[in-house]
Amino acid sequence: MTAGGPAVRAFVALELAQGFRERVMGVQARLASTVKGVRWVKEQGLHVTLRFLGPSSAAQLVALKEALAAAARACPATRARVVGVGMFPERGTPRVLWLGFQVDPVVLNLQAACEGAAVRSGFDPEPRGFVPHLTLGRWRERSPRPALPDIDLGEVLLDTLTLFRSELGREGAVYTPLDSYSLARADA
């Protein structure tokens, strides 16, 4: 518990359009035949995380919302190329299977703005560098590193920044938008 009520588990992410998420689900189905032992992310959980916050107080989230709105207004909507599939960590037993995102520098600037906003709102700095990716699934147990196919899904529009609440459950996490911010129109 924190002052002002219980802490909520939260993160900041770029949302993906429904049609693109359906294409990703097709990739997961294709990979499931050869990549074993993975707990696949459900369609509603497909997003590009810019900053995981963890336990968050109401005061932290209120402070963060204004800064996220300003960051979104300063970032033009853009496209990212979705190419490549990989694993974290890079060596040893894999834990996370992901799709790679080749992003425009404006997305890196947006991520840095989200990181700065989080720190100013009372969150500890993120010690790991940002790697743009979309988590496809997580291994449940230790597993050998599988051979992975080449994957190229083309481009996807990135135009919405969202602050999510994450509630862990038996069937996986449930994500609820707390606030969403449209990125600036490129022609504005």
C-alpha atoms as a PDB file:
ATOM      1  CA  MET A   1       0.000   0.000   0.000  1.00  0.00           C
ATOM      2  CA  THR A   2       1.078   3.535  -0.708  1.00  0.00           C
ATOM      3  CA  ALA A   3      -0.300   6.870   0.374  1.00  0.00           C
ATOM      4  CA  GLY A   4      -3.502   7.513  -1.562  1.00  0.00           C
ATOM      5  CA  GLY A   5      -4.438   3.849  -2.011  1.00  0.00           C
ATOM      6  CA  PRO A   6      -2.920   0.618  -3.218  1.00  0.00           C
ATOM      7  CA  ALA A   7      -0.132   0.672  -5.759  1.00  0.00           C
ATOM      8  CA  VAL A   8      -0.972  -0.444  -9.266  1.00  0.00           C
ATOM      9  CA  ARG A   9       1.431  -2.211 -11.597  1.00  0.00           C
ATOM     10  CA  ALA A  10       1.836   0.065 -14.631  1.00  0.00           C
ATOM     11  CA  PHE A  11       3.771   0.648 -17.843  1.00  0.00           C
ATOM     12  CA  VAL A  12       3.886   3.016 -20.834  1.00  0.00           C
ATOM     13  CA  ALA A  13       3.596   1.603 -24.365  1.00  0.00           C
ATOM     14  CA  LEU A  14       2.867   2.320 -27.995  1.00  0.00           C
ATOM     15  CA  GLU A  15      -0.339   0.631 -29.068  1.00  0.00           C
ATOM     16  CA  LEU A  16      -0.707  -1.369 -32.275  1.00  0.00           C
ATOM     17  CA  ALA A  17      -3.699  -1.414 -34.612  1.00  0.00           C
ATOM     18  CA  GLN A  18      -6.060  -4.392 -34.485  1.00  0.00           C
ATOM     19  CA  GLY A  19      -5.200  -5.544 -38.017  1.00  0.00           C
ATOM     20  CA  PHE A  20      -1.495  -5.573 -37.243  1.00  0.00           C
ATOM     21  CA  ARG A  21      -2.036  -7.477 -33.992  1.00  0.00           C
ATOM     22  CA  GLU A  22      -3.930 -10.110 -35.998  1.00  0.00           C
ATOM     23  CA  ARG A  23      -0.911 -10.464 -38.313  1.00  0.00           C
ATOM     24  CA  VAL A  24       1.313 -10.962 -35.262  1.00  0.00           C
ATOM     25  CA  MET A  25      -1.033 -13.668 -33.997  1.00  0.00           C
ATOM     26  CA  GLY A  26      -0.434 -15.424 -37.328  1.00  0.00           C
ATOM     27  CA  VAL A  27       3.317 -15.256 -36.717  1.00  0.00           C
ATOM     28  CA  GLN A  28       2.826 -16.737 -33.256  1.00  0.00           C
ATOM     29  CA  ALA A  29       0.787 -19.609 -34.722  1.00  0.00           C
ATOM     30  CA  ARG A  30       3.524 -20.244 -37.299  1.00  0.00           C
ATOM     31  CA  LEU A  31       6.256 -20.221 -34.650  1.00  0.00           C
ATOM     32  CA  ALA A  32       4.280 -22.420 -32.232  1.00  0.00           C
ATOM     33  CA  SER A  33       4.809 -25.434 -34.488  1.00  0.00           C
ATOM     34  CA  THR A  34       8.599 -25.291 -34.034  1.00  0.00           C
ATOM     35  CA  VAL A  35       9.275 -23.175 -30.923  1.00  0.00           C
ATOM     36  CA  LYS A  36       8.183 -25.221 -27.914  1.00  0.00           C
ATOM     37  CA  GLY A  37       7.528 -24.360 -24.273  1.00  0.00           C
ATOM     38  CA  VAL A  38       6.503 -20.733 -24.878  1.00  0.00           C
ATOM     39  CA  ARG A  39       3.565 -19.034 -23.172  1.00  0.00           C
ATOM     40  CA  TRP A  40       2.325 -16.828 -25.999  1.00  0.00           C
ATOM     41  CA  VAL A  41       1.221 -13.239 -25.418  1.00  0.00           C
ATOM     42  CA  LYS A  42      -2.500 -12.781 -26.053  1.00  0.00           C
ATOM     43  CA  GLU A  43      -3.628 -10.366 -28.732  1.00  0.00           C
ATOM     44  CA  GLN A  44      -4.702  -7.671 -26.240  1.00  0.00           C
ATOM     45  CA  GLY A  45      -1.191  -7.773 -24.769  1.00  0.00           C
ATOM     46  CA  LEU A  46       0.636  -6.945 -27.995  1.00  0.00           C
ATOM     47  CA  HIS A  47       2.236  -3.501 -27.686  1.00  0.00           C
ATOM     48  CA  VAL A  48       5.694  -1.894 -27.697  1.00  0.00           C
ATOM     49  CA  THR A  49       6.669  -1.114 -24.108  1.00  0.00           C
ATOM     50  CA  LEU A  50       8.602   2.142 -23.762  1.00  0.00           C
ATOM     51  CA  ARG A  51       8.882   2.152 -19.959  1.00  0.00           C
ATOM     52  CA  PHE A  52       7.878  -0.477 -17.404  1.00  0.00           C
ATOM     53  CA  LEU A  53       7.011   1.308 -14.167  1.00  0.00           C
ATOM     54  CA  GLY A  54       6.118  -1.502 -11.780  1.00  0.00           C
ATOM     55  CA  PRO A  55       4.255  -0.679  -8.564  1.00  0.00           C
ATOM     56  CA  SER A  56       2.957   2.883  -8.951  1.00  0.00           C
ATOM     57  CA  SER A  57       1.191   5.165  -6.496  1.00  0.00           C
ATOM     58  CA  ALA A  58      -1.749   7.339  -7.482  1.00  0.00           C
ATOM     59  CA  ALA A  59       0.411  10.443  -6.956  1.00  0.00           C
ATOM     60  CA  GLN A  60       3.127   9.093  -9.256  1.00  0.00           C
ATOM     61  CA  LEU A  61       0.600   8.306 -11.971  1.00  0.00           C
ATOM     62  CA  VAL A  62      -1.015  11.745 -11.757  1.00  0.00           C
ATOM     63  CA  ALA A  63       2.398  13.394 -12.078  1.00  0.00           C
ATOM     64  CA  LEU A  64       3.301  11.116 -14.963  1.00  0.00           C
ATOM     65  CA  LYS A  65       0.123  11.688 -17.012  1.00  0.00           C
ATOM     66  CA  GLU A  66       0.791  15.362 -17.711  1.00  0.00           C
ATOM     67  CA  ALA A  67       4.363  14.641 -18.800  1.00  0.00           C
ATOM     68  CA  LEU A  68       3.230  11.783 -21.070  1.00  0.00           C
ATOM     69  CA  ALA A  69       0.642  14.029 -22.723  1.00  0.00           C
ATOM     70  CA  ALA A  70       3.360  16.613 -23.420  1.00  0.00           C
ATOM     71  CA  ALA A  71       5.720  13.943 -24.779  1.00  0.00           C
ATOM     72  CA  ALA A  72       3.021  12.645 -27.136  1.00  0.00           C
ATOM     73  CA  ARG A  73       2.225  16.155 -28.397  1.00  0.00           C
ATOM     74  CA  ALA A  74       5.929  16.639 -29.200  1.00  0.00           C
ATOM     75  CA  CYS A  75       6.290  13.341 -31.105  1.00  0.00           C
ATOM     76  CA  PRO A  76       4.931  12.928 -34.616  1.00  0.00           C
ATOM     77  CA  ALA A  77       3.129   9.728 -35.531  1.00  0.00           C
ATOM     78  CA  THR A  78       5.546   7.515 -37.423  1.00  0.00           C
ATOM     79  CA  ARG A  79       5.984   4.114 -38.994  1.00  0.00           C
ATOM     80  CA  ALA A  80       8.266   1.332 -37.797  1.00  0.00           C
ATOM     81  CA  ARG A  81       9.512  -1.607 -39.818  1.00  0.00           C
ATOM     82  CA  VAL A  82       8.809  -4.911 -38.080  1.00  0.00           C
ATOM     83  CA  VAL A  83      11.557  -7.305 -39.041  1.00  0.00           C
ATOM     84  CA  GLY A  84      13.479 -10.067 -37.340  1.00  0.00           C
ATOM     85  CA  VAL A  85      12.720 -12.366 -34.473  1.00  0.00           C
ATOM     86  CA  GLY A  86      15.038 -12.897 -31.518  1.00  0.00           C
ATOM     87  CA  MET A  87      15.428 -13.881 -27.904  1.00  0.00           C
ATOM     88  CA  PHE A  88      16.378 -12.269 -24.611  1.00  0.00           C
ATOM     89  CA  PRO A  89      18.921 -12.782 -23.261  1.00  0.00           C
ATOM     90  CA  GLU A  90      21.133 -12.816 -26.333  1.00  0.00           C
ATOM     91  CA  ARG A  91      23.016 -15.893 -25.090  1.00  0.00           C
ATOM     92  CA  GLY A  92      22.225 -18.841 -22.874  1.00  0.00           C
ATOM     93  CA  THR A  93      18.786 -20.026 -21.876  1.00  0.00           C
ATOM     94  CA  PRO A  94      16.127 -17.942 -23.644  1.00  0.00           C
ATOM     95  CA  ARG A  95      13.399 -16.295 -21.584  1.00  0.00           C
ATOM     96  CA  VAL A  96      11.659 -13.948 -24.037  1.00  0.00           C
ATOM     97  CA  LEU A  97      10.832 -14.347 -27.744  1.00  0.00           C
ATOM     98  CA  TRP A  98      10.374 -11.068 -29.613  1.00  0.00           C
ATOM     99  CA  LEU A  99       9.803  -9.334 -32.956  1.00  0.00           C
ATOM    100  CA  GLY A 100      12.232  -6.545 -33.806  1.00  0.00           C
ATOM    101  CA  PHE A 101      11.165  -2.966 -34.506  1.00  0.00           C
ATOM    102  CA  GLN A 102      13.306  -0.665 -36.630  1.00  0.00           C
ATOM    103  CA  VAL A 103      12.138   2.729 -35.430  1.00  0.00           C
ATOM    104  CA  ASP A 104      12.612   6.313 -36.515  1.00  0.00           C
ATOM    105  CA  PRO A 105      14.694   8.449 -34.109  1.00  0.00           C
ATOM    106  CA  VAL A 106      11.464  10.201 -33.013  1.00  0.00           C
ATOM    107  CA  VAL A 107      10.476   6.962 -31.215  1.00  0.00           C
ATOM    108  CA  LEU A 108      13.822   6.897 -29.402  1.00  0.00           C
ATOM    109  CA  ASN A 109      13.226  10.523 -28.384  1.00  0.00           C
ATOM    110  CA  LEU A 110       9.722   9.617 -27.171  1.00  0.00           C
ATOM    111  CA  GLN A 111      11.108   6.733 -25.128  1.00  0.00           C
ATOM    112  CA  ALA A 112      13.712   9.049 -23.589  1.00  0.00           C
ATOM    113  CA  ALA A 113      10.956  11.548 -22.751  1.00  0.00           C
ATOM    114  CA  CYS A 114       8.938   8.764 -21.088  1.00  0.00           C
ATOM    115  CA  GLU A 115      12.012   7.701 -19.105  1.00  0.00           C
ATOM    116  CA  GLY A 116      12.634  11.285 -17.978  1.00  0.00           C
ATOM    117  CA  ALA A 117       8.980  11.712 -17.019  1.00  0.00           C
ATOM    118  CA  ALA A 118       9.072   8.492 -15.002  1.00  0.00           C
ATOM    119  CA  VAL A 119      12.171   9.560 -13.070  1.00  0.00           C
ATOM    120  CA  ARG A 120      10.691  13.031 -12.380  1.00  0.00           C
ATOM    121  CA  SER A 121       7.536  11.294 -11.129  1.00  0.00           C
ATOM    122  CA  GLY A 122       9.500   9.341  -8.527  1.00  0.00           C
ATOM    123  CA  PHE A 123      10.369   6.092 -10.329  1.00  0.00           C
ATOM    124  CA  ASP A 124      13.898   4.725 -10.244  1.00  0.00           C
ATOM    125  CA  PRO A 125      15.873   5.122 -13.485  1.00  0.00           C
ATOM    126  CA  GLU A 126      15.714   2.131 -15.837  1.00  0.00           C
ATOM    127  CA  PRO A 127      19.203   0.571 -15.797  1.00  0.00           C
ATOM    128  CA  ARG A 128      18.802  -1.298 -19.114  1.00  0.00           C
ATOM    129  CA  GLY A 129      19.034   0.347 -22.489  1.00  0.00           C
ATOM    130  CA  PHE A 130      15.918   0.532 -24.646  1.00  0.00           C
ATOM    131  CA  VAL A 131      15.595  -2.143 -27.355  1.00  0.00           C
ATOM    132  CA  PRO A 132      12.485  -1.569 -29.513  1.00  0.00           C
ATOM    133  CA  HIS A 133      10.646  -4.898 -29.708  1.00  0.00           C
ATOM    134  CA  LEU A 134       7.321  -6.649 -29.403  1.00  0.00           C
ATOM    135  CA  THR A 135       7.228  -9.553 -26.958  1.00  0.00           C
ATOM    136  CA  LEU A 136       5.671 -12.614 -28.592  1.00  0.00           C
ATOM    137  CA  GLY A 137       5.990 -14.945 -25.626  1.00  0.00           C
ATOM    138  CA  ARG A 138       7.985 -16.161 -22.662  1.00  0.00           C
ATOM    139  CA  TRP A 139       9.437 -19.587 -21.982  1.00  0.00           C
ATOM    140  CA  ARG A 140       7.897 -21.341 -19.002  1.00  0.00           C
ATOM    141  CA  GLU A 141      10.959 -23.473 -18.301  1.00  0.00           C
ATOM    142  CA  ARG A 142      14.589 -23.756 -19.322  1.00  0.00           C
ATOM    143  CA  SER A 143      14.781 -24.559 -22.998  1.00  0.00           C
ATOM    144  CA  PRO A 144      17.454 -24.855 -25.671  1.00  0.00           C
ATOM    145  CA  ARG A 145      17.731 -21.948 -28.093  1.00  0.00           C
ATOM    146  CA  PRO A 146      15.590 -22.763 -31.150  1.00  0.00           C
ATOM    147  CA  ALA A 147      16.400 -21.936 -34.753  1.00  0.00           C
ATOM    148  CA  LEU A 148      14.232 -18.999 -35.792  1.00  0.00           C
ATOM    149  CA  PRO A 149      12.888 -18.126 -39.243  1.00  0.00           C
ATOM    150  CA  ASP A 150      13.306 -14.828 -41.029  1.00  0.00           C
ATOM    151  CA  ILE A 151      10.262 -12.657 -40.441  1.00  0.00           C
ATOM    152  CA  ASP A 152       9.401  -9.360 -42.111  1.00  0.00           C
ATOM    153  CA  LEU A 153       5.954  -7.898 -41.426  1.00  0.00           C
ATOM    154  CA  GLY A 154       6.630  -4.624 -43.210  1.00  0.00           C
ATOM    155  CA  GLU A 155       5.630  -1.366 -41.584  1.00  0.00           C
ATOM    156  CA  VAL A 156       3.202  -0.485 -38.823  1.00  0.00           C
ATOM    157  CA  LEU A 157       1.846   2.920 -37.845  1.00  0.00           C
ATOM    158  CA  LEU A 158       2.760   4.108 -34.347  1.00  0.00           C
ATOM    159  CA  ASP A 159       0.357   6.869 -33.341  1.00  0.00           C
ATOM    160  CA  THR A 160      -0.895   6.231 -29.783  1.00  0.00           C
ATOM    161  CA  LEU A 161       0.982   6.333 -26.483  1.00  0.00           C
ATOM    162  CA  THR A 162      -0.840   4.625 -23.612  1.00  0.00           C
ATOM    163  CA  LEU A 163      -0.372   4.355 -19.868  1.00  0.00           C
ATOM    164  CA  PHE A 164      -1.510   0.846 -18.915  1.00  0.00           C
ATOM    165  CA  ARG A 165      -2.390  -0.898 -15.685  1.00  0.00           C
ATOM    166  CA  SER A 166      -1.204  -4.519 -15.578  1.00  0.00           C
ATOM    167  CA  GLU A 167      -2.924  -7.073 -13.368  1.00  0.00           C
ATOM    168  CA  LEU A 168      -1.310 -10.492 -13.122  1.00  0.00           C
ATOM    169  CA  GLY A 169      -3.558 -13.529 -13.094  1.00  0.00           C
ATOM    170  CA  ARG A 170      -3.554 -17.268 -13.712  1.00  0.00           C
ATOM    171  CA  GLU A 171      -4.342 -16.823 -17.397  1.00  0.00           C
ATOM    172  CA  GLY A 172      -1.661 -14.162 -17.838  1.00  0.00           C
ATOM    173  CA  ALA A 173      -1.653 -10.411 -17.431  1.00  0.00           C
ATOM    174  CA  VAL A 174      -4.691  -8.236 -18.102  1.00  0.00           C
ATOM    175  CA  TYR A 175      -3.901  -4.762 -19.436  1.00  0.00           C
ATOM    176  CA  THR A 176      -6.250  -1.839 -18.849  1.00  0.00           C
ATOM    177  CA  PRO A 177      -5.589   1.582 -20.409  1.00  0.00           C
ATOM    178  CA  LEU A 178      -5.435   4.288 -17.746  1.00  0.00           C
ATOM    179  CA  ASP A 179      -4.872   7.088 -20.255  1.00  0.00           C
ATOM    180  CA  SER A 180      -4.047   7.361 -23.971  1.00  0.00           C
ATOM    181  CA  TYR A 181      -2.373  10.143 -25.930  1.00  0.00           C
ATOM    182  CA  SER A 182      -2.388  10.621 -29.686  1.00  0.00           C
ATOM    183  CA  LEU A 183       0.991  11.371 -31.180  1.00  0.00           C
ATOM    184  CA  ALA A 184       1.184  14.622 -33.147  1.00  0.00           C
ATOM    185  CA  ARG A 185      -0.034  14.516 -36.718  1.00  0.00           C
ATOM    186  CA  ALA A 186       2.872  14.682 -39.159  1.00  0.00           C
ATOM    187  CA  ASP A 187       1.072  17.349 -41.234  1.00  0.00           C
ATOM    188  CA  ALA A 188       0.177  19.522 -38.222  1.00  0.00           C
END
